[in-house]
Amino acid sequence: MVQIKRKIAVIGAVLDNPKDCQSQFNDIVSDFKGVVKGRMGIPFDAEGVSVISIIVYGTLDEINSLTGKLGNIKGVNIKTSFSKKTIEI
């Protein structure tokens, strides 16, 4: 029996110009709906910035794939914080 190792993490994203990149950002997050457990976004309309936090639960490969794709979008800055605990199922 193969054990799958999963992590819990929070992805912090700052969209510097959300009107230009929010659609692409949302499409990628939707592609990973299996690992996304929660999401909160705060728009700073006057400043032209949006701040988004995404709670994820998945393998390191899944989480790294999501953060890599989001980080490749022009105008999106990403930081990820992982739990030290590994959950094996």
PDB file of N, CA and C in Angstrom:
ATOM      1  N   MET A   1       0.836  -1.185   0.000  1.00  0.00           N
ATOM      2  CA  MET A   1       0.000   0.000   0.000  1.00  0.00           C
ATOM      3  C   MET A   1       0.881   1.249   0.000  1.00  0.00           C
ATOM      4  N   VAL A   2       0.657   2.110  -0.938  1.00  0.00           N
ATOM      5  CA  VAL A   2       1.439   3.332  -1.070  1.00  0.00           C
ATOM      6  C   VAL A   2       0.828   4.423  -0.196  1.00  0.00           C
ATOM      7  N   GLN A   3       1.675   5.070   0.590  1.00  0.00           N
ATOM      8  CA  GLN A   3       1.210   6.161   1.435  1.00  0.00           C
ATOM      9  C   GLN A   3       1.426   7.480   0.698  1.00  0.00           C
ATOM     10  N   ILE A   4       0.417   8.327   0.716  1.00  0.00           N
ATOM     11  CA  ILE A   4       0.504   9.642   0.090  1.00  0.00           C
ATOM     12  C   ILE A   4       0.775  10.658   1.188  1.00  0.00           C
ATOM     13  N   LYS A   5       1.816  11.467   0.985  1.00  0.00           N
ATOM     14  CA  LYS A   5       2.174  12.497   1.955  1.00  0.00           C
ATOM     15  C   LYS A   5       1.595  13.826   1.505  1.00  0.00           C
ATOM     16  N   ARG A   6       0.830  14.430   2.387  1.00  0.00           N
ATOM     17  CA  ARG A   6       0.184  15.714   2.088  1.00  0.00           C
ATOM     18  C   ARG A   6       0.595  16.763   3.102  1.00  0.00           C
ATOM     19  N   LYS A   7       0.464  18.005   2.683  1.00  0.00           N
ATOM     20  CA  LYS A   7       0.779  19.152   3.523  1.00  0.00           C
ATOM     21  C   LYS A   7      -0.388  20.132   3.512  1.00  0.00           C
ATOM     22  N   ILE A   8      -0.456  20.922   4.567  1.00  0.00           N
ATOM     23  CA  ILE A   8      -1.375  22.055   4.616  1.00  0.00           C
ATOM     24  C   ILE A   8      -0.519  23.302   4.438  1.00  0.00           C
ATOM     25  N   ALA A   9      -0.989  24.229   3.642  1.00  0.00           N
ATOM     26  CA  ALA A   9      -0.227  25.447   3.381  1.00  0.00           C
ATOM     27  C   ALA A   9      -1.171  26.613   3.115  1.00  0.00           C
ATOM     28  N   VAL A  10      -0.619  27.805   3.245  1.00  0.00           N
ATOM     29  CA  VAL A  10      -1.344  29.005   2.852  1.00  0.00           C
ATOM     30  C   VAL A  10      -0.510  29.710   1.780  1.00  0.00           C
ATOM     31  N   ILE A  11      -1.192  30.079   0.723  1.00  0.00           N
ATOM     32  CA  ILE A  11      -0.558  30.809  -0.377  1.00  0.00           C
ATOM     33  C   ILE A  11      -1.026  32.249  -0.287  1.00  0.00           C
ATOM     34  N   GLY A  12      -0.084  33.154  -0.183  1.00  0.00           N
ATOM     35  CA  GLY A  12      -0.396  34.578  -0.187  1.00  0.00           C
ATOM     36  C   GLY A  12      -0.099  35.148  -1.561  1.00  0.00           C
ATOM     37  N   ALA A  13      -1.047  35.867  -2.127  1.00  0.00           N
ATOM     38  CA  ALA A  13      -0.871  36.439  -3.459  1.00  0.00           C
ATOM     39  C   ALA A  13      -1.217  37.924  -3.439  1.00  0.00           C
ATOM     40  N   VAL A  14      -0.378  38.713  -4.087  1.00  0.00           N
ATOM     41  CA  VAL A  14      -0.661  40.129  -4.291  1.00  0.00           C
ATOM     42  C   VAL A  14      -0.733  40.357  -5.794  1.00  0.00           C
ATOM     43  N   LEU A  15      -1.888  40.817  -6.241  1.00  0.00           N
ATOM     44  CA  LEU A  15      -2.086  41.128  -7.656  1.00  0.00           C
ATOM     45  C   LEU A  15      -1.920  42.627  -7.819  1.00  0.00           C
ATOM     46  N   ASP A  16      -0.822  43.031  -8.472  1.00  0.00           N
ATOM     47  CA  ASP A  16      -0.502  44.447  -8.596  1.00  0.00           C
ATOM     48  C   ASP A  16      -1.441  45.202  -9.533  1.00  0.00           C
ATOM     49  N   ASN A  17      -2.007  44.516 -10.477  1.00  0.00           N
ATOM     50  CA  ASN A  17      -2.947  45.143 -11.401  1.00  0.00           C
ATOM     51  C   ASN A  17      -4.039  44.121 -11.708  1.00  0.00           C
ATOM     52  N   PRO A  18      -4.966  43.923 -10.769  1.00  0.00           N
ATOM     53  CA  PRO A  18      -5.916  42.809 -10.893  1.00  0.00           C
ATOM     54  C   PRO A  18      -6.770  42.826 -12.156  1.00  0.00           C
ATOM     55  N   LYS A  19      -7.048  43.982 -12.694  1.00  0.00           N
ATOM     56  CA  LYS A  19      -7.867  44.021 -13.909  1.00  0.00           C
ATOM     57  C   LYS A  19      -7.188  43.290 -15.059  1.00  0.00           C
ATOM     58  N   ASP A  20      -5.853  43.256 -15.047  1.00  0.00           N
ATOM     59  CA  ASP A  20      -5.104  42.614 -16.129  1.00  0.00           C
ATOM     60  C   ASP A  20      -4.872  41.123 -15.899  1.00  0.00           C
ATOM     61  N   CYS A  21      -4.865  40.670 -14.631  1.00  0.00           N
ATOM     62  CA  CYS A  21      -4.446  39.296 -14.377  1.00  0.00           C
ATOM     63  C   CYS A  21      -5.433  38.455 -13.569  1.00  0.00           C
ATOM     64  N   GLN A  22      -6.492  39.048 -13.065  1.00  0.00           N
ATOM     65  CA  GLN A  22      -7.393  38.321 -12.181  1.00  0.00           C
ATOM     66  C   GLN A  22      -8.102  37.156 -12.870  1.00  0.00           C
ATOM     67  N   SER A  23      -8.474  37.311 -14.103  1.00  0.00           N
ATOM     68  CA  SER A  23      -9.162  36.237 -14.824  1.00  0.00           C
ATOM     69  C   SER A  23      -8.264  35.012 -14.965  1.00  0.00           C
ATOM     70  N   GLN A  24      -7.022  35.232 -15.371  1.00  0.00           N
ATOM     71  CA  GLN A  24      -6.071  34.133 -15.514  1.00  0.00           C
ATOM     72  C   GLN A  24      -5.787  33.500 -14.144  1.00  0.00           C
ATOM     73  N   PHE A  25      -5.639  34.320 -13.121  1.00  0.00           N
ATOM     74  CA  PHE A  25      -5.423  33.837 -11.752  1.00  0.00           C
ATOM     75  C   PHE A  25      -6.571  32.925 -11.327  1.00  0.00           C
ATOM     76  N   ASN A  26      -7.810  33.388 -11.510  1.00  0.00           N
ATOM     77  CA  ASN A  26      -8.985  32.610 -11.111  1.00  0.00           C
ATOM     78  C   ASN A  26      -9.097  31.296 -11.884  1.00  0.00           C
ATOM     79  N   ASP A  27      -8.752  31.323 -13.166  1.00  0.00           N
ATOM     80  CA  ASP A  27      -8.805  30.097 -13.970  1.00  0.00           C
ATOM     81  C   ASP A  27      -7.843  29.043 -13.429  1.00  0.00           C
ATOM     82  N   ILE A  28      -6.641  29.470 -13.059  1.00  0.00           N
ATOM     83  CA  ILE A  28      -5.655  28.525 -12.526  1.00  0.00           C
ATOM     84  C   ILE A  28      -6.106  27.987 -11.175  1.00  0.00           C
ATOM     85  N   VAL A  29      -6.600  28.846 -10.302  1.00  0.00           N
ATOM     86  CA  VAL A  29      -7.085  28.386  -8.996  1.00  0.00           C
ATOM     87  C   VAL A  29      -8.229  27.381  -9.188  1.00  0.00           C
ATOM     88  N   SER A  30      -9.103  27.632 -10.139  1.00  0.00           N
ATOM     89  CA  SER A  30     -10.210  26.698 -10.420  1.00  0.00           C
ATOM     90  C   SER A  30      -9.699  25.346 -10.882  1.00  0.00           C
ATOM     91  N   ASP A  31      -8.599  25.331 -11.630  1.00  0.00           N
ATOM     92  CA  ASP A  31      -8.010  24.074 -12.094  1.00  0.00           C
ATOM     93  C   ASP A  31      -7.520  23.210 -10.932  1.00  0.00           C
ATOM     94  N   PHE A  32      -7.258  23.828  -9.795  1.00  0.00           N
ATOM     95  CA  PHE A  32      -6.747  23.125  -8.620  1.00  0.00           C
ATOM     96  C   PHE A  32      -7.790  23.026  -7.509  1.00  0.00           C
ATOM     97  N   LYS A  33      -9.058  22.990  -7.885  1.00  0.00           N
ATOM     98  CA  LYS A  33     -10.123  22.980  -6.880  1.00  0.00           C
ATOM     99  C   LYS A  33     -10.053  21.771  -5.953  1.00  0.00           C
ATOM    100  N   GLY A  34      -9.373  20.718  -6.348  1.00  0.00           N
ATOM    101  CA  GLY A  34      -9.228  19.546  -5.493  1.00  0.00           C
ATOM    102  C   GLY A  34      -8.319  19.773  -4.300  1.00  0.00           C
ATOM    103  N   VAL A  35      -7.399  20.714  -4.395  1.00  0.00           N
ATOM    104  CA  VAL A  35      -6.489  20.992  -3.277  1.00  0.00           C
ATOM    105  C   VAL A  35      -6.830  22.290  -2.555  1.00  0.00           C
ATOM    106  N   VAL A  36      -7.608  23.152  -3.175  1.00  0.00           N
ATOM    107  CA  VAL A  36      -7.980  24.428  -2.551  1.00  0.00           C
ATOM    108  C   VAL A  36      -9.114  24.193  -1.561  1.00  0.00           C
ATOM    109  N   LYS A  37      -8.876  24.560  -0.315  1.00  0.00           N
ATOM    110  CA  LYS A  37      -9.877  24.361   0.737  1.00  0.00           C
ATOM    111  C   LYS A  37     -10.558  25.663   1.140  1.00  0.00           C
ATOM    112  N   GLY A  38      -9.943  26.781   0.877  1.00  0.00           N
ATOM    113  CA  GLY A  38     -10.540  28.064   1.228  1.00  0.00           C
ATOM    114  C   GLY A  38      -9.795  29.199   0.547  1.00  0.00           C
ATOM    115  N   ARG A  39     -10.506  30.303   0.412  1.00  0.00           N
ATOM    116  CA  ARG A  39      -9.918  31.451  -0.279  1.00  0.00           C
ATOM    117  C   ARG A  39     -10.560  32.724   0.252  1.00  0.00           C
ATOM    118  N   MET A  40      -9.725  33.746   0.444  1.00  0.00           N
ATOM    119  CA  MET A  40     -10.230  35.052   0.857  1.00  0.00           C
ATOM    120  C   MET A  40      -9.495  36.106   0.047  1.00  0.00           C
ATOM    121  N   GLY A  41     -10.244  37.024  -0.518  1.00  0.00           N
ATOM    122  CA  GLY A  41      -9.639  38.104  -1.285  1.00  0.00           C
ATOM    123  C   GLY A  41     -10.092  39.453  -0.775  1.00  0.00           C
ATOM    124  N   ILE A  42      -9.152  40.372  -0.699  1.00  0.00           N
ATOM    125  CA  ILE A  42      -9.445  41.733  -0.278  1.00  0.00           C
ATOM    126  C   ILE A  42      -9.024  42.679  -1.401  1.00  0.00           C
ATOM    127  N   PRO A  43      -9.984  43.354  -2.030  1.00  0.00           N
ATOM    128  CA  PRO A  43      -9.612  44.309  -3.076  1.00  0.00           C
ATOM    129  C   PRO A  43      -9.258  45.667  -2.471  1.00  0.00           C
ATOM    130  N   PHE A  44      -8.213  46.255  -2.970  1.00  0.00           N
ATOM    131  CA  PHE A  44      -7.852  47.632  -2.665  1.00  0.00           C
ATOM    132  C   PHE A  44      -8.063  48.413  -3.965  1.00  0.00           C
ATOM    133  N   ASP A  45      -9.336  48.721  -4.244  1.00  0.00           N
ATOM    134  CA  ASP A  45      -9.707  49.313  -5.530  1.00  0.00           C
ATOM    135  C   ASP A  45      -8.986  50.624  -5.812  1.00  0.00           C
ATOM    136  N   ALA A  46      -8.935  51.508  -4.835  1.00  0.00           N
ATOM    137  CA  ALA A  46      -8.305  52.815  -5.051  1.00  0.00           C
ATOM    138  C   ALA A  46      -6.818  52.677  -5.361  1.00  0.00           C
ATOM    139  N   GLU A  47      -6.187  51.653  -4.795  1.00  0.00           N
ATOM    140  CA  GLU A  47      -4.764  51.441  -5.012  1.00  0.00           C
ATOM    141  C   GLU A  47      -4.467  50.570  -6.228  1.00  0.00           C
ATOM    142  N   GLY A  48      -5.479  49.920  -6.784  1.00  0.00           N
ATOM    143  CA  GLY A  48      -5.288  49.045  -7.939  1.00  0.00           C
ATOM    144  C   GLY A  48      -4.572  47.754  -7.587  1.00  0.00           C
ATOM    145  N   VAL A  49      -4.845  47.225  -6.387  1.00  0.00           N
ATOM    146  CA  VAL A  49      -4.184  46.015  -5.900  1.00  0.00           C
ATOM    147  C   VAL A  49      -5.232  45.107  -5.266  1.00  0.00           C
ATOM    148  N   SER A  50      -5.037  43.793  -5.380  1.00  0.00           N
ATOM    149  CA  SER A  50      -5.851  42.820  -4.651  1.00  0.00           C
ATOM    150  C   SER A  50      -4.924  41.899  -3.877  1.00  0.00           C
ATOM    151  N   VAL A  51      -5.341  41.532  -2.661  1.00  0.00           N
ATOM    152  CA  VAL A  51      -4.577  40.610  -1.830  1.00  0.00           C
ATOM    153  C   VAL A  51      -5.450  39.379  -1.606  1.00  0.00           C
ATOM    154  N   ILE A  52      -4.879  38.208  -1.873  1.00  0.00           N
ATOM    155  CA  ILE A  52      -5.641  36.963  -1.806  1.00  0.00           C
ATOM    156  C   ILE A  52      -4.866  35.946  -0.979  1.00  0.00           C
ATOM    157  N   SER A  53      -5.567  35.249  -0.094  1.00  0.00           N
ATOM    158  CA  SER A  53      -4.973  34.119   0.615  1.00  0.00           C
ATOM    159  C   SER A  53      -5.745  32.859   0.234  1.00  0.00           C
ATOM    160  N   ILE A  54      -5.001  31.792   0.000  1.00  0.00           N
ATOM    161  CA  ILE A  54      -5.596  30.523  -0.413  1.00  0.00           C
ATOM    162  C   ILE A  54      -5.071  29.433   0.517  1.00  0.00           C
ATOM    163  N   ILE A  55      -5.975  28.712   1.154  1.00  0.00           N
ATOM    164  CA  ILE A  55      -5.596  27.587   2.004  1.00  0.00           C
ATOM    165  C   ILE A  55      -5.656  26.327   1.153  1.00  0.00           C
ATOM    166  N   VAL A  56      -4.565  25.556   1.163  1.00  0.00           N
ATOM    167  CA  VAL A  56      -4.491  24.350   0.333  1.00  0.00           C
ATOM    168  C   VAL A  56      -4.105  23.140   1.176  1.00  0.00           C
ATOM    169  N   TYR A  57      -4.530  21.979   0.711  1.00  0.00           N
ATOM    170  CA  TYR A  57      -4.202  20.701   1.327  1.00  0.00           C
ATOM    171  C   TYR A  57      -3.932  19.730   0.197  1.00  0.00           C
ATOM    172  N   GLY A  58      -2.658  19.335   0.043  1.00  0.00           N
ATOM    173  CA  GLY A  58      -2.313  18.442  -1.048  1.00  0.00           C
ATOM    174  C   GLY A  58      -0.868  17.992  -0.958  1.00  0.00           C
ATOM    175  N   THR A  59      -0.433  17.281  -1.977  1.00  0.00           N
ATOM    176  CA  THR A  59       0.960  16.845  -2.024  1.00  0.00           C
ATOM    177  C   THR A  59       1.845  18.049  -2.340  1.00  0.00           C
ATOM    178  N   LEU A  60       3.126  17.905  -2.047  1.00  0.00           N
ATOM    179  CA  LEU A  60       4.058  18.981  -2.373  1.00  0.00           C
ATOM    180  C   LEU A  60       4.038  19.286  -3.870  1.00  0.00           C
ATOM    181  N   ASP A  61       3.947  18.252  -4.682  1.00  0.00           N
ATOM    182  CA  ASP A  61       3.907  18.460  -6.140  1.00  0.00           C
ATOM    183  C   ASP A  61       2.683  19.275  -6.549  1.00  0.00           C
ATOM    184  N   GLU A  62       1.531  18.964  -5.973  1.00  0.00           N
ATOM    185  CA  GLU A  62       0.305  19.697  -6.316  1.00  0.00           C
ATOM    186  C   GLU A  62       0.406  21.164  -5.903  1.00  0.00           C
ATOM    187  N   ILE A  63       0.863  21.390  -4.678  1.00  0.00           N
ATOM    188  CA  ILE A  63       0.951  22.757  -4.176  1.00  0.00           C
ATOM    189  C   ILE A  63       2.001  23.549  -4.944  1.00  0.00           C
ATOM    190  N   ASN A  64       3.149  22.926  -5.195  1.00  0.00           N
ATOM    191  CA  ASN A  64       4.198  23.617  -5.952  1.00  0.00           C
ATOM    192  C   ASN A  64       3.782  23.902  -7.385  1.00  0.00           C
ATOM    193  N   SER A  65       3.016  23.008  -7.968  1.00  0.00           N
ATOM    194  CA  SER A  65       2.512  23.245  -9.320  1.00  0.00           C
ATOM    195  C   SER A  65       1.587  24.459  -9.350  1.00  0.00           C
ATOM    196  N   LEU A  66       0.685  24.528  -8.375  1.00  0.00           N
ATOM    197  CA  LEU A  66      -0.229  25.673  -8.296  1.00  0.00           C
ATOM    198  C   LEU A  66       0.541  26.968  -8.092  1.00  0.00           C
ATOM    199  N   THR A  67       1.459  26.997  -7.129  1.00  0.00           N
ATOM    200  CA  THR A  67       2.190  28.239  -6.862  1.00  0.00           C
ATOM    201  C   THR A  67       3.073  28.629  -8.043  1.00  0.00           C
ATOM    202  N   GLY A  68       3.637  27.644  -8.716  1.00  0.00           N
ATOM    203  CA  GLY A  68       4.462  27.943  -9.887  1.00  0.00           C
ATOM    204  C   GLY A  68       3.661  28.588 -10.996  1.00  0.00           C
ATOM    205  N   LYS A  69       2.479  28.044 -11.271  1.00  0.00           N
ATOM    206  CA  LYS A  69       1.636  28.609 -12.333  1.00  0.00           C
ATOM    207  C   LYS A  69       1.147  30.004 -11.972  1.00  0.00           C
ATOM    208  N   LEU A  70       0.769  30.204 -10.702  1.00  0.00           N
ATOM    209  CA  LEU A  70       0.316  31.536 -10.278  1.00  0.00           C
ATOM    210  C   LEU A  70       1.464  32.539 -10.325  1.00  0.00           C
ATOM    211  N   GLY A  71       2.642  32.108  -9.912  1.00  0.00           N
ATOM    212  CA  GLY A  71       3.801  32.994  -9.895  1.00  0.00           C
ATOM    213  C   GLY A  71       4.289  33.398 -11.274  1.00  0.00           C
ATOM    214  N   ASN A  72       3.901  32.638 -12.288  1.00  0.00           N
ATOM    215  CA  ASN A  72       4.307  32.974 -13.661  1.00  0.00           C
ATOM    216  C   ASN A  72       3.399  34.002 -14.325  1.00  0.00           C
ATOM    217  N   ILE A  73       2.322  34.386 -13.660  1.00  0.00           N
ATOM    218  CA  ILE A  73       1.421  35.396 -14.219  1.00  0.00           C
ATOM    219  C   ILE A  73       2.034  36.772 -13.976  1.00  0.00           C
ATOM    220  N   LYS A  74       2.108  37.558 -15.024  1.00  0.00           N
ATOM    221  CA  LYS A  74       2.658  38.911 -14.897  1.00  0.00           C
ATOM    222  C   LYS A  74       1.785  39.730 -13.941  1.00  0.00           C
ATOM    223  N   GLY A  75       2.444  40.373 -12.954  1.00  0.00           N
ATOM    224  CA  GLY A  75       1.732  41.206 -11.998  1.00  0.00           C
ATOM    225  C   GLY A  75       1.268  40.478 -10.750  1.00  0.00           C
ATOM    226  N   VAL A  76       1.617  39.174 -10.627  1.00  0.00           N
ATOM    227  CA  VAL A  76       1.221  38.390  -9.457  1.00  0.00           C
ATOM    228  C   VAL A  76       2.470  38.033  -8.658  1.00  0.00           C
ATOM    229  N   ASN A  77       2.445  38.339  -7.362  1.00  0.00           N
ATOM    230  CA  ASN A  77       3.542  38.000  -6.451  1.00  0.00           C
ATOM    231  C   ASN A  77       3.019  36.967  -5.455  1.00  0.00           C
ATOM    232  N   ILE A  78       3.772  35.869  -5.298  1.00  0.00           N
ATOM    233  CA  ILE A  78       3.325  34.724  -4.512  1.00  0.00           C
ATOM    234  C   ILE A  78       4.332  34.398  -3.413  1.00  0.00           C
ATOM    235  N   LYS A  79       3.808  34.075  -2.234  1.00  0.00           N
ATOM    236  CA  LYS A  79       4.598  33.496  -1.142  1.00  0.00           C
ATOM    237  C   LYS A  79       3.774  32.367  -0.545  1.00  0.00           C
ATOM    238  N   THR A  80       4.445  31.288  -0.172  1.00  0.00           N
ATOM    239  CA  THR A  80       3.752  30.133   0.384  1.00  0.00           C
ATOM    240  C   THR A  80       4.372  29.755   1.717  1.00  0.00           C
ATOM    241  N   SER A  81       3.520  29.426   2.668  1.00  0.00           N
ATOM    242  CA  SER A  81       3.966  28.970   3.978  1.00  0.00           C
ATOM    243  C   SER A  81       3.363  27.590   4.234  1.00  0.00           C
ATOM    244  N   PHE A  82       4.241  26.615   4.506  1.00  0.00           N
ATOM    245  CA  PHE A  82       3.820  25.234   4.721  1.00  0.00           C
ATOM    246  C   PHE A  82       3.796  24.892   6.203  1.00  0.00           C
ATOM    247  N   SER A  83       2.862  24.033   6.572  1.00  0.00           N
ATOM    248  CA  SER A  83       2.880  23.431   7.901  1.00  0.00           C
ATOM    249  C   SER A  83       4.096  22.501   7.976  1.00  0.00           C
ATOM    250  N   LYS A  84       4.693  22.409   9.147  1.00  0.00           N
ATOM    251  CA  LYS A  84       5.809  21.475   9.322  1.00  0.00           C
ATOM    252  C   LYS A  84       5.321  20.035   9.383  1.00  0.00           C
ATOM    253  N   LYS A  85       4.048  19.864   9.682  1.00  0.00           N
ATOM    254  CA  LYS A  85       3.463  18.527   9.826  1.00  0.00           C
ATOM    255  C   LYS A  85       3.159  17.929   8.456  1.00  0.00           C
ATOM    256  N   THR A  86       3.520  16.657   8.289  1.00  0.00           N
ATOM    257  CA  THR A  86       3.174  15.903   7.088  1.00  0.00           C
ATOM    258  C   THR A  86       2.076  14.913   7.459  1.00  0.00           C
ATOM    259  N   ILE A  87       1.035  14.867   6.649  1.00  0.00           N
ATOM    260  CA  ILE A  87      -0.091  13.973   6.889  1.00  0.00           C
ATOM    261  C   ILE A  87      -0.008  12.841   5.877  1.00  0.00           C
ATOM    262  N   GLU A  88       0.083  11.611   6.388  1.00  0.00           N
ATOM    263  CA  GLU A  88       0.180  10.446   5.504  1.00  0.00           C
ATOM    264  C   GLU A  88      -1.143   9.709   5.474  1.00  0.00           C
ATOM    265  N   ILE A  89      -1.613   9.451   4.255  1.00  0.00           N
ATOM    266  CA  ILE A  89      -2.838   8.659   4.090  1.00  0.00           C
ATOM    267  C   ILE A  89      -2.615   7.576   3.058  1.00  0.00           C
TER     268      ILE A  89
END
